[in-house]
């Protein structure tokens, strides 16, 4: 399977001409405009995952990971990290009790000025197998001017015609939001390639598991937690001491889906600890280290490479459109 680099995706322009022809793809500007149409425009802000919190820390990889990947991420050295925790969607005032996705984006500062990005969600799967489904979801969610709410018939029609959205929707509906970012797992969602020093490829997926343990709001806590508790609880948690997540990597077997982030791998896949993320402090994002970063998921150092997952490859140009609007204060 041919690896698509960050440069090749960006050089494809915003028409996505270099992406695999899984199906007719919408353009990155179309999708970003649909997000704006649903959530509105917050000038100078991210179009998606608008509400967020910055944090800093470090990452130390394991020898077991270095045997499968030549990435400097797994050198065993302490790698500085800039992190951003967030809520999905384009509403900067989204309530922290909403049954929506939570994100974790990481920028690893590697030796020699290299960077590596990892972007994750607190759901083990994504809600779209291709960009068209994501675009159609944004269009279905757009409020009816007459009611100020999404049209129930459009939502019903979307669900009926897009079964690839169902698994994530069910997960979010049946799992309450976390009590704290420090008590949430985060999944890489996509399949990636670990490439070793002999250029042998191993298909992998990963999950960052909180050492504080998974904890979700109870139904009573959902009613009393308030709209903005996640940022403050993370700040307070790191003031007490570092919060940590173990990077647990699953090794794929032949036949496991590689290009569809809505499909899970079997639970019995071999797993190993690839490293530990430590978050030492957190702060509001305005003016903080994470605010100006474009967490492009295809910004990768050698040793880790993307698959031909159409959602993964689409995210880079979509992020670029959003980033360009932020830079020009649109």
Protein backbone atom coordinates (compact mmCIF):
# COMPACT_ATOMS: atom_id res chain seq x y z
CA UNK A 1 0.00 0.00 0.00
CA UNK A 2 1.53 3.30 -1.04
CA UNK A 3 2.18 5.80 1.73
CA UNK A 4 0.75 9.29 1.22
CA UNK A 5 2.97 11.94 2.77
CA UNK A 6 1.95 15.26 4.24
CA UNK A 7 3.56 17.07 1.35
CA UNK A 8 1.73 15.06 -1.30
CA UNK A 9 -1.63 15.69 0.33
CA UNK A 10 -1.03 19.42 0.67
CA UNK A 11 0.29 19.64 -2.89
CA UNK A 12 -2.92 18.04 -4.07
CA UNK A 13 -4.58 21.35 -3.32
CA UNK A 14 -8.03 21.75 -1.86
CA UNK A 15 -9.72 19.70 -4.57
CA UNK A 16 -8.20 16.51 -3.11
CA UNK A 17 -7.05 15.35 -6.52
CA UNK A 18 -4.41 13.02 -5.03
CA UNK A 19 -6.71 11.21 -2.63
CA UNK A 20 -7.78 7.62 -3.30
CA UNK A 21 -10.87 7.33 -5.45
CA UNK A 22 -12.95 5.47 -2.84
CA UNK A 23 -15.90 7.61 -3.86
CA UNK A 24 -16.60 11.08 -5.10
CA UNK A 25 -15.14 13.34 -2.45
CA UNK A 26 -16.33 16.76 -1.35
CA UNK A 27 -13.69 19.47 -1.21
CA UNK A 28 -12.09 20.68 2.01
CA UNK A 29 -13.62 24.18 1.63
CA UNK A 30 -17.07 22.59 1.21
CA UNK A 31 -16.75 20.71 4.48
CA UNK A 32 -15.37 23.68 6.42
CA UNK A 33 -18.16 25.89 5.06
CA UNK A 34 -20.71 23.27 6.14
CA UNK A 35 -19.24 23.32 9.67
CA UNK A 36 -19.55 27.11 9.63
CA UNK A 37 -23.12 26.84 8.40
CA UNK A 38 -24.02 24.59 11.31
CA UNK A 39 -22.10 26.22 14.15
CA UNK A 40 -21.54 29.76 12.89
CA UNK A 41 -18.24 31.56 12.38
CA UNK A 42 -16.05 32.49 15.33
CA UNK A 43 -13.44 34.76 13.77
CA UNK A 44 -9.85 33.78 14.43
CA UNK A 45 -10.90 30.47 16.01
CA UNK A 46 -10.81 26.84 14.95
CA UNK A 47 -13.84 25.78 12.92
CA UNK A 48 -14.12 22.42 14.68
CA UNK A 49 -13.13 21.51 18.25
CA UNK A 50 -13.35 25.23 18.92
CA UNK A 51 -13.60 24.96 22.70
CA UNK A 52 -10.32 23.75 24.13
CA UNK A 53 -7.69 23.82 26.85
CA UNK A 54 -3.90 23.92 26.45
CA UNK A 55 -1.45 21.74 28.35
CA UNK A 56 2.23 20.85 28.33
CA UNK A 57 4.14 17.76 29.32
CA UNK A 58 6.34 15.03 27.86
CA UNK A 59 6.38 11.54 26.38
CA UNK A 60 8.75 8.62 26.89
CA UNK A 61 8.60 5.67 24.50
CA UNK A 62 9.38 2.02 25.17
CA UNK A 63 11.94 -0.41 23.75
CA UNK A 64 9.12 -2.66 22.55
CA UNK A 65 7.81 0.18 20.37
CA UNK A 66 11.29 1.00 19.06
CA UNK A 67 11.60 -2.56 17.78
CA UNK A 68 8.63 -1.99 15.46
CA UNK A 69 9.14 1.70 14.62
CA UNK A 70 12.26 3.75 13.95
CA UNK A 71 10.40 6.89 15.02
CA UNK A 72 12.43 9.09 17.38
CA UNK A 73 9.22 9.18 19.41
CA UNK A 74 10.24 5.78 20.78
CA UNK A 75 13.91 6.53 21.45
CA UNK A 76 13.41 6.25 25.20
CA UNK A 77 14.37 9.90 25.59
CA UNK A 78 12.02 12.44 27.17
CA UNK A 79 10.16 14.20 24.34
CA UNK A 80 8.53 17.59 25.10
CA UNK A 81 4.82 17.74 24.24
CA UNK A 82 2.30 20.54 23.66
CA UNK A 83 -1.25 19.24 24.10
CA UNK A 84 -4.76 20.50 23.46
CA UNK A 85 -7.89 18.97 25.00
CA UNK A 86 -11.15 19.91 23.32
CA UNK A 87 -14.85 19.38 22.64
CA UNK A 88 -15.99 18.44 19.16
CA UNK A 89 -18.04 20.90 17.15
CA UNK A 90 -17.71 24.57 16.33
CA UNK A 91 -19.47 26.04 19.37
CA UNK A 92 -16.98 27.76 21.72
CA UNK A 93 -19.65 27.69 24.45
CA UNK A 94 -20.55 24.02 24.08
CA UNK A 95 -21.47 22.57 27.49
CA UNK A 96 -18.99 20.09 28.93
CA UNK A 97 -21.93 17.80 29.74
CA UNK A 98 -22.83 17.38 26.06
CA UNK A 99 -22.78 13.81 24.77
CA UNK A 100 -20.32 14.68 22.05
CA UNK A 101 -16.72 13.78 21.35
CA UNK A 102 -13.70 14.97 23.32
CA UNK A 103 -10.40 15.45 21.57
CA UNK A 104 -6.72 15.26 22.47
CA UNK A 105 -4.15 16.68 20.06
CA UNK A 106 -0.43 16.32 20.68
CA UNK A 107 2.62 17.98 19.17
CA UNK A 108 5.85 16.15 19.96
CA UNK A 109 9.03 18.26 19.78
CA UNK A 110 11.54 15.78 18.37
CA UNK A 111 15.33 16.21 18.07
CA UNK A 112 16.63 18.25 15.17
CA UNK A 113 13.59 20.49 15.03
CA UNK A 114 11.27 17.74 13.83
CA UNK A 115 7.68 17.54 14.99
CA UNK A 116 5.15 14.75 15.11
CA UNK A 117 1.41 15.13 15.61
CA UNK A 118 -1.11 12.72 17.08
CA UNK A 119 -4.79 13.69 17.13
CA UNK A 120 -7.35 11.54 18.92
CA UNK A 121 -10.95 11.25 20.10
CA UNK A 122 -12.50 9.72 23.21
CA UNK A 123 -14.49 7.32 21.02
CA UNK A 124 -12.86 4.13 19.68
CA UNK A 125 -14.27 4.76 16.22
CA UNK A 126 -15.07 7.72 13.96
CA UNK A 127 -18.55 8.65 12.76
CA UNK A 128 -17.84 8.57 9.03
CA UNK A 129 -16.11 6.14 6.70
CA UNK A 130 -15.60 8.87 4.10
CA UNK A 131 -15.69 12.68 3.91
CA UNK A 132 -19.11 12.70 2.22
CA UNK A 133 -20.74 11.22 5.33
CA UNK A 134 -19.16 13.91 7.50
CA UNK A 135 -20.34 16.63 5.12
CA UNK A 136 -23.87 15.18 5.07
CA UNK A 137 -23.91 15.09 8.88
CA UNK A 138 -23.01 18.78 9.09
CA UNK A 139 -25.74 19.62 6.59
CA UNK A 140 -28.30 17.53 8.49
CA UNK A 141 -27.37 19.21 11.78
CA UNK A 142 -27.86 22.73 10.43
CA UNK A 143 -30.64 24.48 12.31
CA UNK A 144 -33.95 25.16 10.60
CA UNK A 145 -34.41 28.98 10.64
CA UNK A 146 -38.04 28.52 11.66
CA UNK A 147 -37.29 26.49 14.80
CA UNK A 148 -33.63 27.21 15.58
CA UNK A 149 -33.08 23.44 15.77
CA UNK A 150 -32.08 20.73 13.30
CA UNK A 151 -34.94 19.33 11.24
CA UNK A 152 -35.83 15.92 12.77
CA UNK A 153 -36.71 14.55 9.34
CA UNK A 154 -33.28 15.47 7.98
CA UNK A 155 -31.60 13.80 10.95
CA UNK A 156 -33.75 10.70 10.47
CA UNK A 157 -32.95 10.60 6.77
CA UNK A 158 -29.24 11.00 7.46
CA UNK A 159 -29.21 8.11 9.92
CA UNK A 160 -31.10 5.86 7.52
CA UNK A 161 -28.79 6.58 4.61
CA UNK A 162 -25.44 6.63 6.49
CA UNK A 163 -25.01 3.44 8.52
CA UNK A 164 -21.30 4.22 8.90
CA UNK A 165 -22.28 6.91 11.43
CA UNK A 166 -24.20 4.53 13.67
CA UNK A 167 -21.42 2.96 15.78
CA UNK A 168 -20.02 6.27 17.02
CA UNK A 169 -23.50 7.71 17.56
CA UNK A 170 -24.42 4.68 19.68
CA UNK A 171 -21.19 4.94 21.68
CA UNK A 172 -21.78 8.61 22.48
CA UNK A 173 -25.42 8.00 23.36
CA UNK A 174 -24.63 5.17 25.78
CA UNK A 175 -21.44 6.55 27.38
CA UNK A 176 -21.71 9.69 29.48
CA UNK A 177 -18.98 12.34 29.20
CA UNK A 178 -15.88 11.93 31.39
CA UNK A 179 -15.65 13.47 34.86
CA UNK A 180 -12.30 14.94 33.80
CA UNK A 181 -10.04 14.88 30.77
CA UNK A 182 -7.62 13.01 33.06
CA UNK A 183 -10.21 10.23 33.40
CA UNK A 184 -10.78 9.69 29.69
CA UNK A 185 -9.22 7.35 27.17
CA UNK A 186 -8.36 8.73 23.76
CA UNK A 187 -8.15 6.63 20.59
CA UNK A 188 -6.13 7.27 17.44
CA UNK A 189 -9.21 6.07 15.48
CA UNK A 190 -7.24 5.40 12.28
CA UNK A 191 -4.88 2.59 11.36
CA UNK A 192 -1.24 3.64 11.03
CA UNK A 193 1.95 1.98 9.86
CA UNK A 194 4.89 1.41 12.16
CA UNK A 195 8.04 1.20 10.02
CA UNK A 196 11.18 -0.32 11.54
CA UNK A 197 14.87 0.20 10.67
CA UNK A 198 14.64 -2.48 7.97
CA UNK A 199 11.52 -0.73 6.57
CA UNK A 200 9.30 -3.59 7.67
CA UNK A 201 5.71 -2.35 8.09
CA UNK A 202 3.39 -3.29 10.96
CA UNK A 203 -0.23 -2.14 10.94
CA UNK A 204 -1.23 -0.64 14.29
CA UNK A 205 -3.94 1.23 16.15
CA UNK A 206 -3.56 2.89 19.53
CA UNK A 207 -5.36 4.05 22.63
CA UNK A 208 -4.08 6.42 25.32
CA UNK A 209 -5.34 4.95 28.61
CA UNK A 210 -5.51 7.23 31.69
CA UNK A 211 -3.54 6.04 34.70
CA UNK A 212 -6.16 7.82 36.82
CA UNK A 213 -8.73 5.35 35.47
CA UNK A 214 -11.83 5.79 33.33
CA UNK A 215 -14.59 7.73 35.08
CA UNK A 216 -17.82 9.03 33.57
CA UNK A 217 -20.44 11.39 34.91
CA UNK A 218 -23.45 9.78 36.55
CA UNK A 219 -26.92 10.87 35.47
CA UNK A 220 -27.16 13.04 38.60
CA UNK A 221 -23.74 14.57 37.94
CA UNK A 222 -24.78 15.40 34.38
CA UNK A 223 -27.45 17.69 35.84
CA UNK A 224 -25.11 19.51 38.25
CA UNK A 225 -21.62 19.46 36.68
CA UNK A 226 -22.01 22.80 34.91
CA UNK A 227 -21.06 23.93 31.43
CA UNK A 228 -17.34 24.54 31.91
CA UNK A 229 -15.95 22.10 34.45
CA UNK A 230 -13.48 20.21 32.25
CA UNK A 231 -10.86 22.93 31.95
CA UNK A 232 -10.83 23.76 35.65
CA UNK A 233 -10.71 20.12 36.73
CA UNK A 234 -7.71 19.51 34.46
CA UNK A 235 -5.90 22.57 35.79
CA UNK A 236 -6.59 21.49 39.36
CA UNK A 237 -5.57 17.91 38.62
CA UNK A 238 -2.18 18.93 37.24
CA UNK A 239 -1.60 21.26 40.18
CA UNK A 240 -1.77 18.18 42.42
CA UNK A 241 0.75 16.30 40.30
CA UNK A 242 1.30 14.98 36.77
CA UNK A 243 -1.55 13.23 34.94
CA UNK A 244 -0.48 10.28 32.81
CA UNK A 245 -1.76 8.15 29.95
CA UNK A 246 -0.21 4.90 28.68
CA UNK A 247 -0.04 4.55 24.90
CA UNK A 248 -1.35 1.05 24.24
CA UNK A 249 -0.76 -0.21 20.70
CA UNK A 250 -2.73 -3.01 19.02
CA UNK A 251 -1.07 -5.02 16.25
CA UNK A 252 -3.23 -5.74 13.23
CA UNK A 253 -3.65 -9.07 11.52
CA UNK A 254 -4.39 -9.77 7.83
CA UNK A 255 -7.99 -8.87 7.07
CA UNK A 256 -8.30 -6.23 9.79
CA UNK A 257 -9.80 -3.03 8.33
CA UNK A 258 -7.06 -0.54 7.51
CA UNK A 259 -8.89 2.24 5.68
CA UNK A 260 -12.20 2.48 7.55
CA UNK A 261 -12.12 4.29 10.93
CA UNK A 262 -15.73 3.31 11.72
CA UNK A 263 -14.83 -0.39 12.06
CA UNK A 264 -13.13 -1.75 15.18
CA UNK A 265 -10.52 -4.47 15.33
CA UNK A 266 -11.23 -7.63 17.35
CA UNK A 267 -10.50 -7.28 21.07
CA UNK A 268 -8.05 -10.19 21.05
CA UNK A 269 -5.38 -8.38 19.01
CA UNK A 270 -1.96 -8.33 20.67
CA UNK A 271 -1.40 -5.12 22.63
CA UNK A 272 1.70 -3.59 24.14
CA UNK A 273 2.71 -0.40 25.91
CA UNK A 274 4.48 1.96 23.50
CA UNK A 275 5.08 4.82 25.92
CA UNK A 276 3.67 7.14 28.55
CA UNK A 277 2.32 10.65 28.10
CA UNK A 278 2.72 12.93 31.12
CA UNK A 279 0.79 16.20 31.39
CA UNK A 280 2.37 18.52 33.96
CA UNK A 281 0.29 21.69 33.63
CA UNK A 282 -2.82 23.05 31.90
CA UNK A 283 -4.18 26.52 31.21
CA UNK A 284 -6.89 28.33 29.21
CA UNK A 285 -5.98 28.28 25.51
CA UNK A 286 -6.09 32.02 24.82
CA UNK A 287 -2.47 33.04 24.30
CA UNK A 288 -1.16 29.66 25.46
CA UNK A 289 1.23 27.34 23.64
CA UNK A 290 -1.36 25.21 21.85
CA UNK A 291 -3.52 28.03 20.49
CA UNK A 292 -1.59 28.83 17.29
CA UNK A 293 -0.77 25.22 16.37
CA UNK A 294 -2.40 23.52 13.40
CA UNK A 295 -2.48 19.93 14.68
CA UNK A 296 -2.30 18.41 11.20
CA UNK A 297 -2.49 14.63 11.75
CA UNK A 298 -0.26 14.01 8.74
CA UNK A 299 2.67 15.92 10.26
CA UNK A 300 4.73 12.81 10.93
CA UNK A 301 8.37 12.00 11.47
CA UNK A 302 9.85 8.85 9.94
CA UNK A 303 8.87 5.56 11.49
CA UNK A 304 5.12 6.19 11.55
CA UNK A 305 3.14 6.56 8.33
CA UNK A 306 -0.53 6.93 7.32
CA UNK A 307 -2.66 4.36 5.57
CA UNK A 308 -4.97 5.26 2.67
CA UNK A 309 -7.86 5.93 5.05
CA UNK A 310 -9.88 8.61 3.18
CA UNK A 311 -10.87 10.37 6.42
CA UNK A 312 -7.27 10.55 7.65
CA UNK A 313 -6.04 11.92 4.33
CA UNK A 314 -8.92 14.40 4.12
CA UNK A 315 -8.24 15.87 7.54
CA UNK A 316 -4.96 17.49 6.46
CA UNK A 317 -6.38 19.78 3.74
CA UNK A 318 -9.49 20.47 5.85
CA UNK A 319 -7.29 21.53 8.77
CA UNK A 320 -5.31 23.70 6.35
CA UNK A 321 -8.47 25.54 5.25
CA UNK A 322 -9.51 26.16 8.85
CA UNK A 323 -5.97 27.22 9.79
CA UNK A 324 -5.83 29.68 6.89
CA UNK A 325 -9.07 31.28 8.05
CA UNK A 326 -7.73 31.54 11.58
CA UNK A 327 -4.53 33.22 10.40
CA UNK A 328 -6.51 35.81 8.46
CA UNK A 329 -8.88 36.32 11.43
CA UNK A 330 -11.86 35.19 9.35
